[in-house]
């Protein structure tokens, strides 16, 4: 079991009569990426800033590796905790190398400017050291500057790194790249990373543990999978988007099936079947009568094995014993069958034998991804 890197015990923070953090207790396990997420004003940034005493608690106790932060020198505490912010905060008059070595130089003087280590960190965050170390921040893109910010936070080799919405100002592609980079880095370095975001998709992607906050309190803490499967209450469901979580469990095959699959009469010749498959860019055809009555399925292998026998039709090569689905079956029951289907898709047939659709592996992915895509469009990202 990992020990806790950070613990909050009955912590509150008030500004006059306004309570921002209300009797907060939580634990942050060592070596994890722990994401604080919630709507604006929920207290997530205040909570994070109390770890390195950028904000002092009004009551209660914040401990870092078992020690009360109020009993530690504020400056010394901050030097041992990396900090990455949205605005990056690079000094424009310093080179990239000087920005990265800033904290060690404050404590060690010239010895803190270790070029070997600077170069290693630049390479670690995906920047070529020879190309970037002597540049100035204005010469770098936003994504490159944020990578430098991460390298600076790592320079003193701190056990804990705080990240306050570090990627939110970046374009979606760069943001995705840096999220991937952060996951890769922590698999290698095993730091304790406390990451603040308002973006649930980002939290679900990068977190080992998610802490959902509202009104200065923890509403739920758990792994992404635990929260997706067992949201604590209506607020959590609403914040993470219930349709993203559980709505797919109530879907049926009829809700997700393709309504116009490629189908041919059982009396069609094999050359015509191949022509149709090529034109429609599919690897199999469904065999059905004009009235929709389903007879079977034929794929490229079935057809080509007997293609030279010119007198044959689809009825001669089709498989009538391939699995089918009924439209009313729950999607959760259909998924294993589709995954194991030899053709990669399964016809949907009514009890009366009528072909009404097709479920493919690709259509399942589309259904599962749709809620995410809808939220991206709605947010304008």
Foldseek 3Di string as FASTA:
>chain_A
DFDFQKWWALWWAADVPRTQAGGETDTFGFLWAEEEAEDPSQNQVVVLCCQLPPDPTPDTFMDGVRHGNVPDDSVVSPLQEFEAEQVLPFDQVDALLCSLLVSVCVVPNPVSSDLVLLQVLCVLLPHHCVVGRGHGPVVDDLLSSSSSSVSSSPSSPHLEYEYEPRCVVDDPVSSVVNLVSVQVSSVVSSHRYYYYDHDLVSCLSRGQKYFYGGSNYTQDIDGSVCCLACPRDPSSCVSNPVLLRCPLQQAFQLVQFAQDFAEDAQAAWLVVVVVSCVVVVAFKHWHADPVQAGAFMAGPVQSVVCVVVGNHGNNVRGDRPFDAAERGHRVVVCVVSLVPGPRQKHFYAHPVRGTGGIGGPVSVVCSSCVVVVVVCVVVVD
